[in-house]
Structures are given as C-alpha cells and as structure tokens.
N, C-alpha and C. Protein backbone atom coordinates (compact mmCIF):
# COMPACT_ATOMS: atom_id res chain seq x y z
N MET A 1 17.10 5.33 -4.14
CA MET A 1 16.17 4.47 -4.87
C MET A 1 14.90 4.25 -4.04
N ALA A 2 13.78 4.31 -4.69
CA ALA A 2 12.50 4.13 -4.00
C ALA A 2 12.28 2.66 -3.66
N GLY A 3 11.52 2.43 -2.60
CA GLY A 3 11.19 1.07 -2.20
C GLY A 3 10.04 0.53 -3.04
N LYS A 4 9.62 -0.67 -2.70
CA LYS A 4 8.51 -1.31 -3.40
C LYS A 4 7.20 -0.65 -3.03
N SER A 5 6.29 -0.59 -3.99
CA SER A 5 4.94 -0.12 -3.69
C SER A 5 4.34 -1.03 -2.63
N GLN A 6 3.60 -0.44 -1.69
CA GLN A 6 2.96 -1.19 -0.63
C GLN A 6 1.47 -1.29 -0.94
N HIS A 7 0.97 -2.50 -1.05
CA HIS A 7 -0.43 -2.75 -1.41
C HIS A 7 -1.23 -3.18 -0.19
N VAL A 8 -2.38 -2.55 0.02
CA VAL A 8 -3.32 -2.94 1.07
C VAL A 8 -4.41 -3.77 0.38
N VAL A 9 -4.52 -5.04 0.78
CA VAL A 9 -5.46 -5.95 0.13
C VAL A 9 -6.26 -6.75 1.15
N PRO A 10 -7.53 -7.06 0.84
CA PRO A 10 -8.32 -7.88 1.76
C PRO A 10 -7.78 -9.30 1.80
N HIS A 11 -7.88 -9.95 2.98
CA HIS A 11 -7.34 -11.31 3.12
C HIS A 11 -8.01 -12.01 4.30
N ASN A 12 -8.73 -13.07 4.02
CA ASN A 12 -9.34 -13.91 5.07
C ASN A 12 -10.10 -13.11 6.14
N GLY A 13 -10.91 -12.18 5.74
CA GLY A 13 -11.72 -11.40 6.68
C GLY A 13 -10.97 -10.24 7.30
N GLY A 14 -9.66 -10.15 7.09
CA GLY A 14 -8.86 -9.03 7.58
C GLY A 14 -8.21 -8.33 6.40
N TRP A 15 -7.11 -7.67 6.65
CA TRP A 15 -6.41 -6.92 5.60
C TRP A 15 -4.91 -7.14 5.73
N THR A 16 -4.22 -7.22 4.61
CA THR A 16 -2.78 -7.39 4.63
C THR A 16 -2.09 -6.25 3.90
N VAL A 17 -0.83 -6.06 4.25
CA VAL A 17 0.05 -5.14 3.54
C VAL A 17 1.09 -6.00 2.86
N LYS A 18 1.23 -5.82 1.54
CA LYS A 18 2.22 -6.59 0.79
C LYS A 18 3.06 -5.64 -0.06
N GLY A 19 4.36 -5.88 -0.08
CA GLY A 19 5.23 -5.16 -1.00
C GLY A 19 4.99 -5.70 -2.40
N ALA A 20 5.10 -4.84 -3.40
CA ALA A 20 4.89 -5.26 -4.79
C ALA A 20 5.78 -6.45 -5.12
N GLY A 21 5.19 -7.50 -5.68
CA GLY A 21 5.94 -8.68 -6.08
C GLY A 21 6.19 -9.68 -4.96
N ASN A 22 5.87 -9.33 -3.73
CA ASN A 22 6.06 -10.26 -2.61
C ASN A 22 4.89 -11.23 -2.52
N SER A 23 5.19 -12.49 -2.23
CA SER A 23 4.11 -13.46 -2.04
C SER A 23 3.64 -13.47 -0.59
N ARG A 24 4.53 -13.07 0.34
CA ARG A 24 4.17 -13.06 1.75
C ARG A 24 3.77 -11.65 2.19
N ALA A 25 2.84 -11.60 3.13
CA ALA A 25 2.38 -10.32 3.66
C ALA A 25 3.46 -9.72 4.57
N THR A 26 3.62 -8.41 4.48
CA THR A 26 4.52 -7.68 5.37
C THR A 26 3.84 -7.51 6.73
N SER A 27 2.52 -7.31 6.69
CA SER A 27 1.75 -7.03 7.90
C SER A 27 0.33 -7.54 7.70
N VAL A 28 -0.27 -8.11 8.74
CA VAL A 28 -1.66 -8.55 8.71
C VAL A 28 -2.40 -7.76 9.79
N GLN A 29 -3.50 -7.12 9.40
CA GLN A 29 -4.24 -6.24 10.31
C GLN A 29 -5.72 -6.64 10.33
N PRO A 30 -6.41 -6.38 11.45
CA PRO A 30 -7.83 -6.76 11.55
C PRO A 30 -8.75 -5.84 10.76
N THR A 31 -8.33 -4.59 10.53
CA THR A 31 -9.19 -3.65 9.82
C THR A 31 -8.45 -2.99 8.67
N GLU A 32 -9.21 -2.50 7.71
CA GLU A 32 -8.62 -1.80 6.58
C GLU A 32 -7.88 -0.55 7.05
N ALA A 33 -8.46 0.18 8.00
CA ALA A 33 -7.83 1.41 8.49
C ALA A 33 -6.46 1.13 9.10
N LYS A 34 -6.35 0.06 9.88
CA LYS A 34 -5.06 -0.28 10.49
C LYS A 34 -4.05 -0.71 9.43
N ALA A 35 -4.52 -1.44 8.41
CA ALA A 35 -3.63 -1.86 7.33
C ALA A 35 -3.13 -0.64 6.54
N ILE A 36 -4.01 0.32 6.28
CA ILE A 36 -3.61 1.54 5.57
C ILE A 36 -2.58 2.30 6.39
N GLU A 37 -2.82 2.40 7.69
CA GLU A 37 -1.88 3.10 8.58
C GLU A 37 -0.50 2.43 8.53
N ALA A 38 -0.46 1.12 8.61
CA ALA A 38 0.81 0.38 8.57
C ALA A 38 1.49 0.55 7.22
N ALA A 39 0.73 0.42 6.13
CA ALA A 39 1.29 0.54 4.79
C ALA A 39 1.80 1.95 4.53
N ARG A 40 1.08 2.96 5.02
CA ARG A 40 1.49 4.35 4.84
C ARG A 40 2.85 4.60 5.52
N ALA A 41 3.01 4.06 6.73
CA ALA A 41 4.28 4.22 7.45
C ALA A 41 5.44 3.59 6.67
N ILE A 42 5.22 2.40 6.13
CA ILE A 42 6.26 1.71 5.35
C ILE A 42 6.56 2.50 4.08
N ALA A 43 5.51 2.93 3.37
CA ALA A 43 5.70 3.67 2.12
C ALA A 43 6.46 4.98 2.35
N LYS A 44 6.11 5.70 3.43
CA LYS A 44 6.82 6.95 3.75
C LYS A 44 8.28 6.67 4.04
N HIS A 45 8.55 5.63 4.82
CA HIS A 45 9.92 5.28 5.20
C HIS A 45 10.75 4.90 3.97
N GLN A 46 10.13 4.19 3.03
CA GLN A 46 10.84 3.71 1.85
C GLN A 46 10.79 4.68 0.68
N GLY A 47 10.00 5.76 0.79
CA GLY A 47 9.82 6.66 -0.35
C GLY A 47 9.12 5.95 -1.50
N ALA A 48 8.10 5.17 -1.15
CA ALA A 48 7.41 4.33 -2.13
C ALA A 48 5.96 4.77 -2.32
N GLU A 49 5.23 4.01 -3.11
CA GLU A 49 3.82 4.29 -3.37
C GLU A 49 2.94 3.42 -2.50
N LEU A 50 1.81 3.97 -2.06
CA LEU A 50 0.80 3.24 -1.30
C LEU A 50 -0.37 2.99 -2.25
N VAL A 51 -0.77 1.72 -2.38
CA VAL A 51 -1.86 1.35 -3.28
C VAL A 51 -2.92 0.64 -2.44
N ILE A 52 -4.13 1.19 -2.41
CA ILE A 52 -5.21 0.63 -1.60
C ILE A 52 -6.23 -0.05 -2.50
N HIS A 53 -6.47 -1.32 -2.24
CA HIS A 53 -7.44 -2.11 -3.00
C HIS A 53 -8.72 -2.23 -2.19
N GLY A 54 -9.86 -2.24 -2.86
CA GLY A 54 -11.14 -2.46 -2.20
C GLY A 54 -11.38 -3.95 -1.99
N ARG A 55 -12.50 -4.29 -1.38
CA ARG A 55 -12.83 -5.71 -1.13
C ARG A 55 -12.95 -6.50 -2.42
N ASP A 56 -13.24 -5.83 -3.53
CA ASP A 56 -13.36 -6.51 -4.82
C ASP A 56 -12.00 -6.70 -5.49
N GLY A 57 -10.93 -6.21 -4.85
CA GLY A 57 -9.59 -6.36 -5.41
C GLY A 57 -9.17 -5.22 -6.33
N GLN A 58 -10.12 -4.38 -6.71
CA GLN A 58 -9.82 -3.27 -7.60
C GLN A 58 -9.10 -2.15 -6.84
N ILE A 59 -8.14 -1.50 -7.51
CA ILE A 59 -7.45 -0.36 -6.90
C ILE A 59 -8.45 0.77 -6.74
N ARG A 60 -8.51 1.33 -5.52
CA ARG A 60 -9.45 2.43 -5.30
C ARG A 60 -8.76 3.72 -4.88
N ALA A 61 -7.48 3.65 -4.50
CA ALA A 61 -6.75 4.87 -4.13
C ALA A 61 -5.26 4.62 -4.19
N LYS A 62 -4.51 5.70 -4.45
CA LYS A 62 -3.05 5.63 -4.46
C LYS A 62 -2.50 6.90 -3.82
N ASP A 63 -1.40 6.74 -3.11
CA ASP A 63 -0.65 7.88 -2.58
C ASP A 63 0.81 7.60 -2.86
N SER A 64 1.56 8.65 -3.17
CA SER A 64 2.97 8.48 -3.47
C SER A 64 3.80 9.22 -2.44
N TYR A 65 4.82 8.55 -1.91
CA TYR A 65 5.72 9.14 -0.93
C TYR A 65 7.14 9.00 -1.46
N GLY A 66 7.54 9.94 -2.28
CA GLY A 66 8.89 9.86 -2.87
C GLY A 66 8.83 10.40 -4.27
N ASN A 67 9.52 9.72 -5.16
CA ASN A 67 9.57 10.16 -6.55
C ASN A 67 8.28 9.75 -7.25
N ASP A 68 7.38 10.68 -7.39
CA ASP A 68 6.09 10.41 -8.02
C ASP A 68 6.32 10.25 -9.53
N PRO A 69 5.94 9.09 -10.10
CA PRO A 69 6.11 8.92 -11.53
C PRO A 69 5.19 9.82 -12.36
N TYR A 70 4.14 10.35 -11.74
CA TYR A 70 3.20 11.24 -12.43
C TYR A 70 2.94 12.48 -11.58
N PRO A 71 3.94 13.37 -11.45
CA PRO A 71 3.73 14.55 -10.60
C PRO A 71 2.63 15.44 -11.16
N PRO A 72 1.95 16.20 -10.27
CA PRO A 72 0.89 17.08 -10.75
C PRO A 72 1.47 18.18 -11.66
N LYS A 73 0.68 18.56 -12.64
CA LYS A 73 1.12 19.61 -13.56
C LYS A 73 0.62 20.96 -13.07
N GLY A 74 1.45 21.98 -13.29
CA GLY A 74 1.00 23.32 -13.00
C GLY A 74 1.45 23.92 -11.75
C-alpha cells in the first residue's frame, strides 16, 4: 500500500513537509529546496506522491514514487 502524498508548502518564511491530511508538519526546512529534498526522500520510501506548492499555495509540480494513478500512455 502506498503512503500518504507528501506536500511541500510555504510556512512562516520557511517551508514545511506535510503528509496528506496531517495537521502537523513532518519536517520544517529553511528553504524550498531543502523541503523538496526531504519530501522526496519520504515519498520514495513510502512509494507515495510528492506535491510541491508555490508561495501562493497553488500546486506547481508533482512527482510520483510508486503506483502512479495516471501512468504515461504509450
């Protein structure tokens, strides 16, 4: 079974990693790059999806590590 999607979101001037549906941050990082690195490691370990949000809160990128719900065609 795949783990929870890991979301990278801005928070108080830094960046946090949160599992989908979690109210508490899994990891708090000073930069977006460090938060993405931490979230990617968790997502790979859990076979989950990585979802990166921009400063405006909008999703700007996704990566899947495991059972991709929308695999590429062809």
